[in-house]
Amino acid sequence: MNFELHEFGPALAAGMLMTVKLALSALCLGLVLGLLGALAKTSSHRGLQWLGGTYSTLVRGVPELLWVLLIYFGTVNGLRALGELIGIPGLELNAFAAGVIALGLCFGAYATEVFRGALLAVPKGHREAGLALGMSRPRIFFRVVMPQMWRIALPGLGNLFMILMKDTALVSVIGLEEIMRHAQIAVSVTKEPFTFYLAAAFMYLALTVVAMTGMYFLEKRAARGFTRSA
């Protein structure tokens, strides 16, 4: 078996860096959307509950690949019209931005349910104790509820991030030069699919190991006070 990468080693490394950038950017967007969705679903207002439920159900019901394609190609006409209106002809959404939006949207829909479960797991008595001490509701949320919610949600969010990193391969269909895109280009030139797809597999595995290590330390740090009290 030939495992020579020829001149494509630097290209694969650049693709790995692009994969990391895409995953982290989508993670940031997804965490915000997930938290907002969970707050909406646990709200006492029917309208917010409907909005949060519709978001999580609609997004989770459509494959991630379709969201990538819909967001990338579906914004073409709208952005062109907007560009003509504001005097910027040829305005369009690039592949990286479309990938971040699509993957962040999907991550946020699943994270909504993780955050919702974590919010419901925080005892109501803790909120009531904060009110009894004269704390405002925002202060109770950020100082009492969120640290506990974060500890409970971290394992589920870690699993979702592992899936997100592998889903970055889907963005190669719209031309973003991440790991899979560079691997496909290398295969088309060298006609050695096993070599380059195996190299891509090892790259994803390495990213997964790094992410798992980071999640371990995050979970350990988040559980410090809880472990001592237990």
Protein backbone atom coordinates (compact mmCIF):
# COMPACT_ATOMS: atom_id res chain seq x y z
CA MET A 1 0.00 0.00 0.00
CA ASN A 2 1.22 3.47 -0.86
CA PHE A 3 0.65 6.13 1.84
CA GLU A 4 2.62 8.87 0.10
CA LEU A 5 0.68 12.18 0.22
CA HIS A 6 2.75 13.64 -2.64
CA GLU A 7 2.42 17.44 -2.56
CA PHE A 8 -1.02 17.46 -0.93
CA GLY A 9 0.15 17.38 2.70
CA PRO A 10 0.06 21.19 3.17
CA ALA A 11 -3.34 21.36 1.45
CA LEU A 12 -4.77 18.77 3.82
CA ALA A 13 -3.33 20.68 6.79
CA ALA A 14 -4.98 23.87 5.50
CA GLY A 15 -8.23 21.95 5.15
CA MET A 16 -7.92 20.75 8.74
CA LEU A 17 -7.51 24.34 9.93
CA MET A 18 -10.57 25.38 7.91
CA THR A 19 -12.55 22.52 9.49
CA VAL A 20 -11.62 23.76 12.97
CA LYS A 21 -12.59 27.34 12.11
CA LEU A 22 -15.92 26.21 10.66
CA ALA A 23 -16.73 23.96 13.63
CA LEU A 24 -15.88 26.59 16.26
CA SER A 25 -17.79 29.34 14.44
CA ALA A 26 -20.86 27.11 14.08
CA LEU A 27 -20.51 26.11 17.75
CA CYS A 28 -20.65 29.73 18.90
CA LEU A 29 -23.74 30.43 16.81
CA GLY A 30 -25.36 27.15 17.84
CA LEU A 31 -24.85 27.73 21.57
CA VAL A 32 -26.57 31.10 21.36
CA LEU A 33 -29.46 29.70 19.33
CA GLY A 34 -29.75 26.66 21.59
CA LEU A 35 -29.89 28.73 24.77
CA LEU A 36 -32.45 31.12 23.29
CA GLY A 37 -34.51 28.17 22.05
CA ALA A 38 -34.44 26.50 25.47
CA LEU A 39 -35.45 29.72 27.24
CA ALA A 40 -38.31 30.10 24.75
CA LYS A 41 -39.53 26.53 25.24
CA THR A 42 -39.44 26.83 29.04
CA SER A 43 -41.05 30.28 29.03
CA SER A 44 -44.50 30.86 30.48
CA HIS A 45 -45.57 32.70 27.30
CA ARG A 46 -47.38 30.52 24.76
CA GLY A 47 -46.00 32.47 21.82
CA LEU A 48 -42.40 31.91 22.87
CA GLN A 49 -43.10 28.24 23.56
CA TRP A 50 -44.53 27.86 20.06
CA LEU A 51 -41.56 29.70 18.53
CA GLY A 52 -38.98 27.54 20.33
CA GLY A 53 -40.82 24.32 19.55
CA THR A 54 -41.25 25.21 15.89
CA TYR A 55 -37.56 26.02 15.53
CA SER A 56 -36.31 22.79 17.09
CA THR A 57 -38.86 20.59 15.29
CA LEU A 58 -38.45 22.20 11.87
CA VAL A 59 -34.65 22.22 11.86
CA ARG A 60 -34.25 18.71 13.28
CA GLY A 61 -36.75 17.37 10.75
CA VAL A 62 -34.60 18.32 7.74
CA PRO A 63 -31.17 16.72 7.01
CA GLU A 64 -28.13 18.91 7.62
CA LEU A 65 -27.01 18.55 4.00
CA LEU A 66 -30.30 20.03 2.78
CA TRP A 67 -29.91 23.00 5.13
CA VAL A 68 -26.45 23.64 3.73
CA LEU A 69 -27.79 23.59 0.16
CA LEU A 70 -30.93 25.58 0.98
CA ILE A 71 -29.06 28.34 2.78
CA TYR A 72 -26.27 28.57 0.20
CA PHE A 73 -28.40 28.51 -2.95
CA GLY A 74 -31.58 29.92 -1.44
CA THR A 75 -29.97 33.24 -0.54
CA VAL A 76 -28.56 33.90 -4.02
CA ASN A 77 -31.52 35.81 -5.46
CA GLY A 78 -32.29 37.64 -2.23
CA LEU A 79 -28.72 38.87 -1.76
CA ARG A 80 -28.43 39.90 -5.39
CA ALA A 81 -31.58 41.99 -5.08
CA LEU A 82 -30.28 43.50 -1.83
CA GLY A 83 -26.92 44.23 -3.48
CA GLU A 84 -28.59 46.05 -6.35
CA LEU A 85 -30.67 48.01 -3.87
CA ILE A 86 -27.69 49.22 -1.83
CA GLY A 87 -25.34 49.60 -4.80
CA ILE A 88 -23.21 46.47 -4.31
CA PRO A 89 -23.71 44.31 -7.41
CA GLY A 90 -22.86 40.63 -7.15
CA LEU A 91 -23.49 40.45 -3.40
CA GLU A 92 -23.57 36.81 -2.30
CA LEU A 93 -23.08 34.53 0.69
CA ASN A 94 -19.75 32.70 0.57
CA ALA A 95 -19.41 29.01 1.32
CA PHE A 96 -17.89 29.55 4.78
CA ALA A 97 -20.69 31.85 5.95
CA ALA A 98 -23.35 29.52 4.55
CA GLY A 99 -21.72 26.57 6.31
CA VAL A 100 -21.55 28.41 9.64
CA ILE A 101 -25.21 29.42 9.42
CA ALA A 102 -26.43 25.98 8.37
CA LEU A 103 -24.38 23.98 10.88
CA GLY A 104 -24.99 26.51 13.65
CA LEU A 105 -28.72 26.37 12.96
CA CYS A 106 -28.72 22.56 13.19
CA PHE A 107 -26.49 22.47 16.27
CA GLY A 108 -28.71 25.04 17.97
CA ALA A 109 -31.86 22.97 17.34
CA TYR A 110 -30.39 19.93 19.07
CA ALA A 111 -28.75 22.05 21.77
CA THR A 112 -32.18 23.54 22.50
CA GLU A 113 -33.34 20.19 23.85
CA VAL A 114 -30.11 19.67 25.80
CA PHE A 115 -30.39 23.09 27.44
CA ARG A 116 -34.12 22.60 28.07
CA GLY A 117 -33.49 19.36 29.92
CA ALA A 118 -30.69 20.99 31.92
CA LEU A 119 -32.91 23.96 32.84
CA LEU A 120 -35.67 21.66 34.04
CA ALA A 121 -33.16 19.68 36.11
CA VAL A 122 -32.24 22.73 38.22
CA PRO A 123 -34.42 22.61 41.38
CA LYS A 124 -37.06 25.35 41.56
CA GLY A 125 -36.15 25.89 45.19
CA HIS A 126 -32.86 27.45 44.13
CA ARG A 127 -34.71 30.15 42.19
CA GLU A 128 -37.08 30.72 45.08
CA ALA A 129 -34.14 31.05 47.47
CA GLY A 130 -32.64 33.71 45.22
CA LEU A 131 -35.92 35.64 45.18
CA ALA A 132 -36.09 35.39 48.96
CA LEU A 133 -32.64 36.95 49.18
CA GLY A 134 -33.80 39.87 47.05
CA MET A 135 -31.93 38.91 43.87
CA SER A 136 -33.36 40.01 40.54
CA ARG A 137 -34.47 37.34 38.06
CA PRO A 138 -31.59 38.04 35.59
CA ARG A 139 -29.10 37.81 38.46
CA ILE A 140 -30.65 34.53 39.64
CA PHE A 141 -30.36 33.12 36.14
CA PHE A 142 -26.71 34.08 35.62
CA ARG A 143 -25.46 33.42 39.15
CA VAL A 144 -27.60 30.48 40.30
CA VAL A 145 -29.26 28.71 37.37
CA MET A 146 -26.70 28.97 34.57
CA PRO A 147 -23.71 27.41 36.43
CA GLN A 148 -25.83 24.38 37.35
CA MET A 149 -27.42 24.19 33.91
CA TRP A 150 -24.01 24.37 32.25
CA ARG A 151 -22.68 21.46 34.32
CA ILE A 152 -25.69 19.29 33.45
CA ALA A 153 -25.68 20.21 29.75
CA LEU A 154 -21.96 19.80 29.07
CA PRO A 155 -21.91 16.03 28.32
CA GLY A 156 -24.75 16.37 25.83
CA LEU A 157 -23.20 19.44 24.23
CA GLY A 158 -19.90 17.60 23.94
CA ASN A 159 -21.55 14.80 21.99
CA LEU A 160 -23.25 17.32 19.72
CA PHE A 161 -19.90 19.02 19.06
CA MET A 162 -18.37 15.69 17.98
CA ILE A 163 -21.19 15.30 15.48
CA LEU A 164 -20.78 18.92 14.37
CA MET A 165 -17.10 18.42 13.56
CA LYS A 166 -17.90 15.48 11.30
CA ASP A 167 -20.82 17.36 9.72
CA THR A 168 -18.36 20.00 8.49
CA ALA A 169 -17.60 17.51 5.70
CA LEU A 170 -21.05 18.30 4.27
CA VAL A 171 -19.96 21.84 3.41
CA SER A 172 -17.56 20.45 0.81
CA VAL A 173 -20.55 20.10 -1.55
CA ILE A 174 -20.70 23.90 -1.90
CA GLY A 175 -16.97 24.24 -2.50
CA LEU A 176 -15.54 25.08 0.93
CA GLU A 177 -11.97 23.77 1.02
CA GLU A 178 -12.00 21.81 4.26
CA ILE A 179 -10.59 18.32 4.87
CA MET A 180 -12.95 16.37 2.63
CA ARG A 181 -12.75 18.87 -0.22
CA HIS A 182 -8.95 18.73 -0.30
CA ALA A 183 -9.06 14.94 0.00
CA GLN A 184 -11.42 14.75 -2.99
CA ILE A 185 -9.17 17.02 -5.03
CA ALA A 186 -6.13 14.91 -4.16
CA VAL A 187 -7.98 11.72 -5.12
CA SER A 188 -9.03 13.17 -8.48
CA VAL A 189 -5.41 14.05 -9.28
CA THR A 190 -3.53 11.03 -7.91
CA LYS A 191 -6.22 8.33 -8.35
CA GLU A 192 -5.38 7.04 -4.86
CA PRO A 193 -8.69 7.21 -2.95
CA PHE A 194 -7.72 4.88 -0.11
CA THR A 195 -4.63 6.89 0.80
CA PHE A 196 -6.28 10.29 1.01
CA TYR A 197 -9.59 9.20 2.49
CA LEU A 198 -7.66 7.30 5.16
CA ALA A 199 -5.61 10.44 5.84
CA ALA A 200 -8.86 12.41 6.17
CA ALA A 201 -10.20 9.81 8.58
CA PHE A 202 -7.12 10.13 10.80
CA MET A 203 -7.48 13.92 10.75
CA TYR A 204 -11.09 13.75 11.93
CA LEU A 205 -10.08 11.20 14.55
CA ALA A 206 -7.31 13.49 15.81
CA LEU A 207 -9.74 16.42 16.07
CA THR A 208 -12.18 14.21 17.95
CA VAL A 209 -9.53 13.15 20.47
CA VAL A 210 -8.54 16.78 21.07
CA ALA A 211 -12.20 17.77 21.51
CA MET A 212 -12.82 14.88 23.92
CA THR A 213 -9.82 15.94 25.99
CA GLY A 214 -11.05 19.51 26.11
CA MET A 215 -14.54 18.37 27.12
CA TYR A 216 -13.09 16.26 29.92
CA PHE A 217 -11.37 19.26 31.48
CA LEU A 218 -14.43 21.47 30.97
CA GLU A 219 -16.68 18.93 32.70
CA LYS A 220 -14.17 18.55 35.51
CA ARG A 221 -13.99 22.31 36.02
CA ALA A 222 -17.77 22.75 35.87
CA ALA A 223 -18.27 20.05 38.53
CA ARG A 224 -15.75 21.44 41.05
CA GLY A 225 -18.20 22.90 43.56
CA PHE A 226 -20.71 20.12 43.08
CA THR A 227 -18.06 17.45 43.69
CA ARG A 228 -16.89 19.08 46.91
CA SER A 229 -20.43 19.47 48.25
CA ALA A 230 -21.27 15.88 47.30
